[in-house]
Amino acid sequence: MQNEHIHIILADDDEDDRLFFTEAFDELKINTKVQTYKDGVYLMDYLNSESCIIPQVLFLDLNMPRKNGMECLKEIKENSKFKDMAIAIYSTSASEEDIENTFVYGANIYIKKPNSFKLLKKTLNQVVTINWQYHTNSLNKDNFLLRL
């Protein structure tokens, strides 16, 4: 059981953000397998494929071309296949409207993208080590927005 990894997916159109994200996990002492997708269409194609391994945590950028994070969130929440997947909104936006809408549509946590690599590692470590079963059972607006 010790070799079991935490499966993580990031959907983000920014190539640098995807690179920093994977590098941060490479440096953390957590056994993870990270997949990245450059937009919501590629993400949903994978999630709806026969070969899909459902991640424990999906990090979802809101502002992506072709299919944005909100569209993906709605589609994921309509499918019971994904009921045990935690969804972390991972965005540069800190607008109250985005935070409210993603909460209403069922995201588990909202993270404003950190502005340093050190803070990114701290944030990702905190998100991945959350006891999601407890966190999602007591979901409320107070523990929805991650502030570091």
N, C-alpha and C. Protein backbone atom coordinates (compact mmCIF):
# COMPACT_ATOMS: atom_id res chain seq x y z
N MET A 1 0.82 -1.20 0.00
CA MET A 1 0.00 0.00 0.00
C MET A 1 0.86 1.26 0.00
N GLN A 2 2.10 1.19 0.48
CA GLN A 2 2.95 2.37 0.55
C GLN A 2 3.28 2.93 -0.82
N ASN A 3 3.34 2.08 -1.84
CA ASN A 3 3.68 2.55 -3.17
C ASN A 3 2.49 3.16 -3.91
N GLU A 4 1.32 3.09 -3.32
CA GLU A 4 0.14 3.64 -3.96
C GLU A 4 0.28 5.16 -4.06
N HIS A 5 0.05 5.68 -5.25
CA HIS A 5 0.20 7.12 -5.45
C HIS A 5 -1.16 7.82 -5.47
N ILE A 6 -1.09 9.12 -5.32
CA ILE A 6 -2.27 9.97 -5.43
C ILE A 6 -2.32 10.44 -6.88
N HIS A 7 -3.41 10.13 -7.55
CA HIS A 7 -3.56 10.50 -8.96
C HIS A 7 -4.15 11.91 -9.04
N ILE A 8 -3.44 12.78 -9.74
CA ILE A 8 -3.82 14.19 -9.84
C ILE A 8 -3.87 14.60 -11.30
N ILE A 9 -4.87 15.39 -11.64
CA ILE A 9 -4.96 15.96 -12.99
C ILE A 9 -5.07 17.48 -12.87
N LEU A 10 -4.36 18.16 -13.76
CA LEU A 10 -4.48 19.60 -13.90
C LEU A 10 -4.95 19.90 -15.32
N ALA A 11 -5.99 20.71 -15.45
CA ALA A 11 -6.41 21.25 -16.75
C ALA A 11 -6.15 22.75 -16.71
N ASP A 12 -5.22 23.19 -17.55
CA ASP A 12 -4.81 24.60 -17.55
C ASP A 12 -4.22 24.91 -18.92
N ASP A 13 -4.65 25.99 -19.54
CA ASP A 13 -4.16 26.33 -20.86
C ASP A 13 -2.78 27.00 -20.85
N ASP A 14 -2.30 27.42 -19.69
CA ASP A 14 -1.01 28.10 -19.59
C ASP A 14 0.10 27.07 -19.44
N GLU A 15 0.96 26.98 -20.45
CA GLU A 15 2.03 25.98 -20.46
C GLU A 15 2.98 26.14 -19.27
N ASP A 16 3.31 27.39 -18.92
CA ASP A 16 4.19 27.63 -17.77
C ASP A 16 3.55 27.15 -16.48
N ASP A 17 2.25 27.41 -16.31
CA ASP A 17 1.55 26.96 -15.11
C ASP A 17 1.55 25.43 -15.00
N ARG A 18 1.36 24.76 -16.14
CA ARG A 18 1.41 23.29 -16.13
C ARG A 18 2.80 22.80 -15.74
N LEU A 19 3.83 23.45 -16.27
CA LEU A 19 5.21 23.06 -15.96
C LEU A 19 5.53 23.28 -14.49
N PHE A 20 5.21 24.46 -13.95
CA PHE A 20 5.47 24.75 -12.52
C PHE A 20 4.70 23.78 -11.63
N PHE A 21 3.48 23.46 -12.01
CA PHE A 21 2.63 22.55 -11.25
C PHE A 21 3.30 21.17 -11.14
N THR A 22 3.73 20.62 -12.28
CA THR A 22 4.36 19.30 -12.25
C THR A 22 5.71 19.34 -11.53
N GLU A 23 6.47 20.42 -11.71
CA GLU A 23 7.75 20.56 -11.01
C GLU A 23 7.54 20.65 -9.50
N ALA A 24 6.50 21.34 -9.08
CA ALA A 24 6.22 21.45 -7.64
C ALA A 24 5.94 20.07 -7.05
N PHE A 25 5.14 19.28 -7.73
CA PHE A 25 4.87 17.92 -7.23
C PHE A 25 6.12 17.06 -7.25
N ASP A 26 6.98 17.26 -8.25
CA ASP A 26 8.24 16.51 -8.30
C ASP A 26 9.08 16.78 -7.06
N GLU A 27 9.02 18.01 -6.54
CA GLU A 27 9.82 18.39 -5.37
C GLU A 27 9.17 18.02 -4.04
N LEU A 28 7.86 17.83 -4.03
CA LEU A 28 7.18 17.46 -2.79
C LEU A 28 7.45 16.00 -2.47
N LYS A 29 7.44 15.66 -1.22
CA LYS A 29 7.69 14.28 -0.79
C LYS A 29 6.38 13.51 -0.67
N ILE A 30 5.55 13.63 -1.70
CA ILE A 30 4.27 12.93 -1.75
C ILE A 30 4.28 12.07 -3.01
N ASN A 31 3.87 10.83 -2.88
CA ASN A 31 3.85 9.92 -4.01
C ASN A 31 2.65 10.25 -4.89
N THR A 32 2.90 10.99 -5.98
CA THR A 32 1.81 11.42 -6.86
C THR A 32 2.08 11.01 -8.30
N LYS A 33 1.02 10.90 -9.05
CA LYS A 33 1.09 10.74 -10.50
C LYS A 33 0.28 11.91 -11.06
N VAL A 34 0.95 12.79 -11.80
CA VAL A 34 0.31 14.00 -12.29
C VAL A 34 0.15 13.95 -13.80
N GLN A 35 -1.07 14.21 -14.26
CA GLN A 35 -1.36 14.35 -15.69
C GLN A 35 -1.83 15.77 -15.91
N THR A 36 -1.49 16.34 -17.06
CA THR A 36 -1.96 17.69 -17.37
C THR A 36 -2.64 17.70 -18.75
N TYR A 37 -3.59 18.60 -18.87
CA TYR A 37 -4.32 18.80 -20.13
C TYR A 37 -4.39 20.30 -20.39
N LYS A 38 -4.28 20.67 -21.68
CA LYS A 38 -4.17 22.09 -22.01
C LYS A 38 -5.50 22.80 -22.20
N ASP A 39 -6.60 22.06 -22.16
CA ASP A 39 -7.91 22.72 -22.17
C ASP A 39 -8.99 21.73 -21.75
N GLY A 40 -10.19 22.25 -21.61
CA GLY A 40 -11.29 21.44 -21.12
C GLY A 40 -11.75 20.35 -22.08
N VAL A 41 -11.56 20.55 -23.38
CA VAL A 41 -11.95 19.52 -24.34
C VAL A 41 -11.07 18.29 -24.17
N TYR A 42 -9.76 18.50 -24.10
CA TYR A 42 -8.84 17.37 -23.89
C TYR A 42 -9.13 16.68 -22.55
N LEU A 43 -9.38 17.49 -21.52
CA LEU A 43 -9.68 16.92 -20.21
C LEU A 43 -10.91 16.03 -20.27
N MET A 44 -11.99 16.55 -20.81
CA MET A 44 -13.24 15.79 -20.82
C MET A 44 -13.15 14.57 -21.75
N ASP A 45 -12.39 14.69 -22.85
CA ASP A 45 -12.15 13.53 -23.71
C ASP A 45 -11.50 12.41 -22.91
N TYR A 46 -10.50 12.78 -22.09
CA TYR A 46 -9.83 11.77 -21.27
C TYR A 46 -10.80 11.21 -20.21
N LEU A 47 -11.46 12.09 -19.46
CA LEU A 47 -12.33 11.63 -18.38
C LEU A 47 -13.47 10.73 -18.90
N ASN A 48 -13.92 10.98 -20.10
CA ASN A 48 -15.00 10.18 -20.67
C ASN A 48 -14.52 8.96 -21.45
N SER A 49 -13.21 8.76 -21.49
CA SER A 49 -12.67 7.62 -22.24
C SER A 49 -12.74 6.34 -21.41
N GLU A 50 -12.67 5.21 -22.10
CA GLU A 50 -12.68 3.90 -21.45
C GLU A 50 -11.44 3.72 -20.57
N SER A 51 -10.32 4.31 -20.97
CA SER A 51 -9.05 4.11 -20.26
C SER A 51 -8.84 5.09 -19.10
N CYS A 52 -9.83 5.90 -18.82
CA CYS A 52 -9.71 6.92 -17.77
C CYS A 52 -9.46 6.30 -16.40
N ILE A 53 -8.45 6.81 -15.73
CA ILE A 53 -8.24 6.52 -14.31
C ILE A 53 -8.69 7.80 -13.59
N ILE A 54 -9.75 7.69 -12.83
CA ILE A 54 -10.33 8.87 -12.19
C ILE A 54 -9.37 9.37 -11.11
N PRO A 55 -9.00 10.65 -11.18
CA PRO A 55 -8.05 11.18 -10.19
C PRO A 55 -8.72 11.39 -8.83
N GLN A 56 -7.89 11.38 -7.79
CA GLN A 56 -8.41 11.75 -6.47
C GLN A 56 -8.70 13.24 -6.43
N VAL A 57 -7.82 14.03 -7.10
CA VAL A 57 -8.01 15.49 -7.11
C VAL A 57 -7.82 16.00 -8.55
N LEU A 58 -8.78 16.78 -9.00
CA LEU A 58 -8.70 17.46 -10.29
C LEU A 58 -8.53 18.95 -10.02
N PHE A 59 -7.45 19.53 -10.54
CA PHE A 59 -7.23 20.97 -10.46
C PHE A 59 -7.72 21.55 -11.78
N LEU A 60 -8.63 22.51 -11.70
CA LEU A 60 -9.34 23.00 -12.87
C LEU A 60 -9.22 24.51 -13.00
N ASP A 61 -8.53 24.96 -14.05
CA ASP A 61 -8.44 26.39 -14.34
C ASP A 61 -9.79 26.83 -14.90
N LEU A 62 -10.21 28.03 -14.58
CA LEU A 62 -11.50 28.51 -15.09
C LEU A 62 -11.42 29.06 -16.50
N ASN A 63 -10.37 29.79 -16.80
CA ASN A 63 -10.28 30.50 -18.08
C ASN A 63 -9.43 29.72 -19.08
N MET A 64 -10.10 28.84 -19.82
CA MET A 64 -9.42 28.06 -20.86
C MET A 64 -10.20 28.20 -22.16
N PRO A 65 -9.50 28.07 -23.29
CA PRO A 65 -10.19 28.13 -24.58
C PRO A 65 -10.97 26.83 -24.84
N ARG A 66 -11.83 26.87 -25.81
CA ARG A 66 -12.63 25.74 -26.29
C ARG A 66 -13.67 25.28 -25.27
N LYS A 67 -13.28 24.87 -24.09
CA LYS A 67 -14.23 24.51 -23.02
C LYS A 67 -13.60 25.00 -21.71
N ASN A 68 -14.27 25.95 -21.07
CA ASN A 68 -13.68 26.53 -19.86
C ASN A 68 -13.92 25.65 -18.62
N GLY A 69 -13.31 26.05 -17.52
CA GLY A 69 -13.41 25.28 -16.29
C GLY A 69 -14.82 25.15 -15.75
N MET A 70 -15.62 26.19 -15.89
CA MET A 70 -17.00 26.14 -15.41
C MET A 70 -17.81 25.11 -16.20
N GLU A 71 -17.62 25.07 -17.51
CA GLU A 71 -18.32 24.08 -18.34
C GLU A 71 -17.90 22.66 -17.94
N CYS A 72 -16.60 22.47 -17.70
CA CYS A 72 -16.11 21.16 -17.27
C CYS A 72 -16.70 20.78 -15.92
N LEU A 73 -16.71 21.72 -14.98
CA LEU A 73 -17.23 21.47 -13.65
C LEU A 73 -18.69 21.00 -13.73
N LYS A 74 -19.50 21.70 -14.51
CA LYS A 74 -20.92 21.33 -14.65
C LYS A 74 -21.05 19.94 -15.25
N GLU A 75 -20.28 19.65 -16.29
CA GLU A 75 -20.34 18.35 -16.96
C GLU A 75 -19.91 17.22 -16.01
N ILE A 76 -18.86 17.46 -15.25
CA ILE A 76 -18.36 16.45 -14.30
C ILE A 76 -19.39 16.18 -13.22
N LYS A 77 -20.01 17.22 -12.70
CA LYS A 77 -20.97 17.06 -11.61
C LYS A 77 -22.26 16.38 -12.06
N GLU A 78 -22.52 16.37 -13.35
CA GLU A 78 -23.71 15.69 -13.88
C GLU A 78 -23.49 14.18 -14.03
N ASN A 79 -22.24 13.71 -13.86
CA ASN A 79 -21.91 12.31 -14.09
C ASN A 79 -21.54 11.63 -12.76
N SER A 80 -22.32 10.67 -12.34
CA SER A 80 -22.08 10.00 -11.05
C SER A 80 -20.76 9.22 -11.04
N LYS A 81 -20.21 8.94 -12.20
CA LYS A 81 -18.91 8.26 -12.29
C LYS A 81 -17.82 9.05 -11.54
N PHE A 82 -18.00 10.36 -11.44
CA PHE A 82 -16.99 11.24 -10.83
C PHE A 82 -17.34 11.68 -9.41
N LYS A 83 -18.30 11.01 -8.77
CA LYS A 83 -18.80 11.48 -7.47
C LYS A 83 -17.73 11.52 -6.37
N ASP A 84 -16.70 10.67 -6.47
CA ASP A 84 -15.66 10.63 -5.44
C ASP A 84 -14.43 11.48 -5.77
N MET A 85 -14.47 12.19 -6.89
CA MET A 85 -13.35 13.01 -7.32
C MET A 85 -13.46 14.40 -6.69
N ALA A 86 -12.41 14.83 -6.00
CA ALA A 86 -12.38 16.18 -5.45
C ALA A 86 -11.97 17.15 -6.56
N ILE A 87 -12.66 18.28 -6.63
CA ILE A 87 -12.37 19.27 -7.66
C ILE A 87 -11.89 20.56 -7.00
N ALA A 88 -10.65 20.92 -7.34
CA ALA A 88 -10.05 22.14 -6.84
C ALA A 88 -10.02 23.15 -7.99
N ILE A 89 -10.75 24.24 -7.85
CA ILE A 89 -10.68 25.30 -8.84
C ILE A 89 -9.34 26.00 -8.61
N TYR A 90 -8.59 26.18 -9.70
CA TYR A 90 -7.22 26.67 -9.64
C TYR A 90 -7.10 27.81 -10.65
N SER A 91 -7.28 29.04 -10.17
CA SER A 91 -7.48 30.15 -11.09
C SER A 91 -6.74 31.41 -10.66
N THR A 92 -6.46 32.27 -11.63
CA THR A 92 -5.90 33.58 -11.31
C THR A 92 -7.00 34.52 -10.81
N SER A 93 -8.24 34.18 -11.10
CA SER A 93 -9.37 35.02 -10.70
C SER A 93 -9.64 34.91 -9.20
N ALA A 94 -9.89 36.04 -8.61
CA ALA A 94 -10.32 36.07 -7.21
C ALA A 94 -11.68 36.73 -7.11
N SER A 95 -12.41 36.75 -8.22
CA SER A 95 -13.70 37.44 -8.22
C SER A 95 -14.71 36.67 -7.37
N GLU A 96 -15.47 37.41 -6.61
CA GLU A 96 -16.50 36.80 -5.76
C GLU A 96 -17.50 36.01 -6.59
N GLU A 97 -17.78 36.50 -7.79
CA GLU A 97 -18.73 35.80 -8.66
C GLU A 97 -18.20 34.42 -9.05
N ASP A 98 -16.92 34.33 -9.42
CA ASP A 98 -16.32 33.03 -9.77
C ASP A 98 -16.32 32.10 -8.57
N ILE A 99 -15.95 32.63 -7.42
CA ILE A 99 -15.90 31.82 -6.21
C ILE A 99 -17.30 31.30 -5.88
N GLU A 100 -18.28 32.17 -5.92
CA GLU A 100 -19.67 31.79 -5.63
C GLU A 100 -20.19 30.75 -6.62
N ASN A 101 -19.98 31.01 -7.91
CA ASN A 101 -20.50 30.10 -8.94
C ASN A 101 -19.88 28.71 -8.84
N THR A 102 -18.58 28.63 -8.63
CA THR A 102 -17.94 27.31 -8.55
C THR A 102 -18.37 26.57 -7.28
N PHE A 103 -18.62 27.31 -6.21
CA PHE A 103 -19.14 26.70 -4.98
C PHE A 103 -20.53 26.11 -5.24
N VAL A 104 -21.39 26.90 -5.87
CA VAL A 104 -22.77 26.48 -6.15
C VAL A 104 -22.78 25.26 -7.06
N TYR A 105 -21.87 25.21 -8.03
CA TYR A 105 -21.85 24.09 -8.98
C TYR A 105 -21.08 22.88 -8.46
N GLY A 106 -20.60 22.93 -7.22
CA GLY A 106 -20.10 21.72 -6.59
C GLY A 106 -18.61 21.51 -6.50
N ALA A 107 -17.80 22.52 -6.79
CA ALA A 107 -16.36 22.37 -6.58
C ALA A 107 -16.10 22.19 -5.09
N ASN A 108 -14.99 21.55 -4.76
CA ASN A 108 -14.69 21.27 -3.35
C ASN A 108 -13.84 22.34 -2.69
N ILE A 109 -13.02 23.01 -3.49
CA ILE A 109 -12.15 24.04 -2.92
C ILE A 109 -11.77 25.02 -4.03
N TYR A 110 -11.51 26.26 -3.65
CA TYR A 110 -11.12 27.30 -4.61
C TYR A 110 -9.75 27.82 -4.22
N ILE A 111 -8.83 27.76 -5.18
CA ILE A 111 -7.46 28.20 -4.92
C ILE A 111 -7.09 29.29 -5.92
N LYS A 112 -6.69 30.44 -5.41
CA LYS A 112 -6.13 31.46 -6.28
C LYS A 112 -4.69 31.05 -6.54
N LYS A 113 -4.29 31.05 -7.81
CA LYS A 113 -2.94 30.60 -8.17
C LYS A 113 -1.90 31.39 -7.39
N PRO A 114 -1.00 30.69 -6.71
CA PRO A 114 0.05 31.36 -5.95
C PRO A 114 1.00 32.12 -6.87
N ASN A 115 1.63 33.16 -6.33
CA ASN A 115 2.51 33.97 -7.17
C ASN A 115 4.00 33.65 -6.98
N SER A 116 4.30 32.57 -6.27
CA SER A 116 5.69 32.13 -6.16
C SER A 116 5.73 30.60 -6.14
N PHE A 117 6.86 30.05 -6.54
CA PHE A 117 7.01 28.60 -6.58
C PHE A 117 6.95 28.01 -5.18
N LYS A 118 7.53 28.70 -4.23
CA LYS A 118 7.52 28.22 -2.83
C LYS A 118 6.08 28.14 -2.31
N LEU A 119 5.29 29.16 -2.57
CA LEU A 119 3.89 29.17 -2.14
C LEU A 119 3.07 28.13 -2.91
N LEU A 120 3.41 27.92 -4.18
CA LEU A 120 2.73 26.89 -4.96
C LEU A 120 2.95 25.52 -4.32
N LYS A 121 4.18 25.21 -3.96
CA LYS A 121 4.47 23.92 -3.31
C LYS A 121 3.71 23.78 -2.00
N LYS A 122 3.69 24.84 -1.20
CA LYS A 122 2.98 24.80 0.08
C LYS A 122 1.48 24.59 -0.14
N THR A 123 0.92 25.28 -1.13
CA THR A 123 -0.50 25.16 -1.45
C THR A 123 -0.84 23.76 -1.92
N LEU A 124 -0.07 23.22 -2.86
CA LEU A 124 -0.34 21.89 -3.40
C LEU A 124 -0.20 20.83 -2.32
N ASN A 125 0.81 20.98 -1.47
CA ASN A 125 0.99 20.04 -0.36
C ASN A 125 -0.25 20.05 0.54
N GLN A 126 -0.73 21.23 0.86
CA GLN A 126 -1.90 21.34 1.73
C GLN A 126 -3.15 20.73 1.08
N VAL A 127 -3.36 21.00 -0.19
CA VAL A 127 -4.55 20.49 -0.88
C VAL A 127 -4.52 18.97 -0.98
N VAL A 128 -3.37 18.42 -1.32
CA VAL A 128 -3.28 16.97 -1.53
C VAL A 128 -3.36 16.20 -0.22
N THR A 129 -2.98 16.82 0.88
CA THR A 129 -3.02 16.11 2.16
C THR A 129 -4.33 16.33 2.93
N ILE A 130 -5.27 17.06 2.34
CA ILE A 130 -6.59 17.23 2.95
C ILE A 130 -7.28 15.86 3.03
N ASN A 131 -7.96 15.61 4.11
CA ASN A 131 -8.80 14.42 4.19
C ASN A 131 -10.09 14.78 3.46
N TRP A 132 -10.16 14.43 2.17
CA TRP A 132 -11.26 14.89 1.33
C TRP A 132 -12.61 14.36 1.78
N GLN A 133 -12.63 13.17 2.35
CA GLN A 133 -13.91 12.62 2.79
C GLN A 133 -14.52 13.52 3.87
N TYR A 134 -13.69 13.93 4.82
CA TYR A 134 -14.16 14.85 5.86
C TYR A 134 -14.49 16.21 5.25
N HIS A 135 -13.58 16.68 4.40
CA HIS A 135 -13.72 18.02 3.83
C HIS A 135 -15.00 18.15 3.00
N THR A 136 -15.29 17.15 2.19
CA THR A 136 -16.46 17.26 1.31
C THR A 136 -17.76 17.01 2.08
N ASN A 137 -17.71 16.23 3.15
CA ASN A 137 -18.92 15.98 3.93
C ASN A 137 -19.36 17.22 4.69
N SER A 138 -18.42 18.08 5.00
CA SER A 138 -18.77 19.27 5.77
C SER A 138 -18.56 20.53 4.94
N LEU A 139 -18.77 20.41 3.63
CA LEU A 139 -18.51 21.53 2.74
C LEU A 139 -19.36 22.73 3.10
N ASN A 140 -18.68 23.81 3.33
CA ASN A 140 -19.37 25.07 3.54
C ASN A 140 -18.48 26.18 2.99
N LYS A 141 -19.02 27.34 2.89
CA LYS A 141 -18.31 28.44 2.27
C LYS A 141 -17.05 28.82 3.06
N ASP A 142 -17.02 28.58 4.36
CA ASP A 142 -15.87 28.95 5.17
C ASP A 142 -14.63 28.14 4.84
N ASN A 143 -14.80 26.86 4.47
CA ASN A 143 -13.62 26.07 4.14
C ASN A 143 -13.47 25.85 2.64
N PHE A 144 -14.21 26.60 1.83
CA PHE A 144 -14.16 26.47 0.37
C PHE A 144 -12.97 27.22 -0.23
N LEU A 145 -12.72 28.42 0.22
CA LEU A 145 -11.64 29.25 -0.32
C LEU A 145 -10.38 29.00 0.49
N LEU A 146 -9.34 28.50 -0.19
CA LEU A 146 -8.07 28.23 0.49
C LEU A 146 -7.26 29.50 0.54
N ARG A 147 -6.92 29.92 1.73
CA ARG A 147 -6.10 31.14 1.92
C ARG A 147 -4.83 30.74 2.65
N LEU A 148 -3.69 31.09 2.05
CA LEU A 148 -2.40 30.84 2.70
C LEU A 148 -1.66 32.14 2.91
